[in-house]
Amino acid sequence: LKQEINSVLLTNLIKKVKQWNLQWQYALMMPPFLLVSKKLRRMWRTAH
């Protein structure tokens, strides 16, 4: 039972992370974010 609950939580988390990544990709395509995108990419690289 615990394993089932854990797997459900994990899949939900992965879905949320994927949605968040998509939202950021769309945001970075917007003109106001173009100047900041390089810094964000650098931060993202160091974070991962």
C-alpha atoms as a PDB file:
ATOM      1  CA  LEU A   1       0.000   0.000   0.000  1.00  0.00           C
ATOM      2  CA  LYS A   2       2.777   2.440   0.889  1.00  0.00           C
ATOM      3  CA  GLN A   3       4.579   1.738  -2.378  1.00  0.00           C
ATOM      4  CA  GLU A   4       1.383   2.459  -4.342  1.00  0.00           C
ATOM      5  CA  ILE A   5       0.905   5.784  -2.553  1.00  0.00           C
ATOM      6  CA  ASN A   6       4.560   6.696  -3.109  1.00  0.00           C
ATOM      7  CA  SER A   7       4.372   5.917  -6.823  1.00  0.00           C
ATOM      8  CA  VAL A   8       1.208   8.029  -7.199  1.00  0.00           C
ATOM      9  CA  LEU A   9       2.854  10.949  -5.393  1.00  0.00           C
ATOM     10  CA  LEU A  10       5.945  10.564  -7.555  1.00  0.00           C
ATOM     11  CA  THR A  11       3.999  10.558 -10.825  1.00  0.00           C
ATOM     12  CA  ASN A  12       2.037  13.631  -9.703  1.00  0.00           C
ATOM     13  CA  LEU A  13       5.276  15.390  -8.816  1.00  0.00           C
ATOM     14  CA  ILE A  14       6.804  14.530 -12.203  1.00  0.00           C
ATOM     15  CA  LYS A  15       3.681  15.852 -13.970  1.00  0.00           C
ATOM     16  CA  LYS A  16       3.895  19.107 -12.006  1.00  0.00           C
ATOM     17  CA  VAL A  17       7.597  19.492 -12.787  1.00  0.00           C
ATOM     18  CA  LYS A  18       6.964  18.891 -16.500  1.00  0.00           C
ATOM     19  CA  GLN A  19       4.160  21.471 -16.518  1.00  0.00           C
ATOM     20  CA  TRP A  20       6.403  23.947 -14.670  1.00  0.00           C
ATOM     21  CA  ASN A  21       9.220  23.401 -17.190  1.00  0.00           C
ATOM     22  CA  LEU A  22       6.815  23.978 -20.103  1.00  0.00           C
ATOM     23  CA  GLN A  23       5.532  27.173 -18.485  1.00  0.00           C
ATOM     24  CA  TRP A  24       9.099  28.444 -18.075  1.00  0.00           C
ATOM     25  CA  GLN A  25       9.942  27.586 -21.696  1.00  0.00           C
ATOM     26  CA  TYR A  26       6.918  29.593 -22.883  1.00  0.00           C
ATOM     27  CA  ALA A  27       7.842  32.450 -20.539  1.00  0.00           C
ATOM     28  CA  LEU A  28      11.424  32.521 -21.842  1.00  0.00           C
ATOM     29  CA  MET A  29      10.122  32.819 -25.417  1.00  0.00           C
ATOM     30  CA  MET A  30       8.353  36.066 -24.494  1.00  0.00           C
ATOM     31  CA  PRO A  31      10.264  39.292 -25.340  1.00  0.00           C
ATOM     32  CA  PRO A  32      10.565  40.628 -21.738  1.00  0.00           C
ATOM     33  CA  PHE A  33      12.298  37.425 -20.687  1.00  0.00           C
ATOM     34  CA  LEU A  34      14.843  37.339 -23.515  1.00  0.00           C
ATOM     35  CA  LEU A  35      17.346  39.498 -21.635  1.00  0.00           C
ATOM     36  CA  VAL A  36      17.009  37.447 -18.446  1.00  0.00           C
ATOM     37  CA  SER A  37      16.956  34.068 -20.199  1.00  0.00           C
ATOM     38  CA  LYS A  38      20.757  33.802 -20.439  1.00  0.00           C
ATOM     39  CA  LYS A  39      21.148  34.380 -16.701  1.00  0.00           C
ATOM     40  CA  LEU A  40      18.343  31.923 -15.948  1.00  0.00           C
ATOM     41  CA  ARG A  41      19.920  29.298 -18.202  1.00  0.00           C
ATOM     42  CA  ARG A  42      23.243  29.786 -16.414  1.00  0.00           C
ATOM     43  CA  MET A  43      21.507  29.425 -13.035  1.00  0.00           C
ATOM     44  CA  TRP A  44      19.598  26.379 -14.300  1.00  0.00           C
ATOM     45  CA  ARG A  45      22.847  24.760 -15.461  1.00  0.00           C
ATOM     46  CA  THR A  46      24.529  25.296 -12.104  1.00  0.00           C
ATOM     47  CA  ALA A  47      21.420  24.075 -10.232  1.00  0.00           C
ATOM     48  CA  HIS A  48      21.372  20.790 -12.139  1.00  0.00           C
END
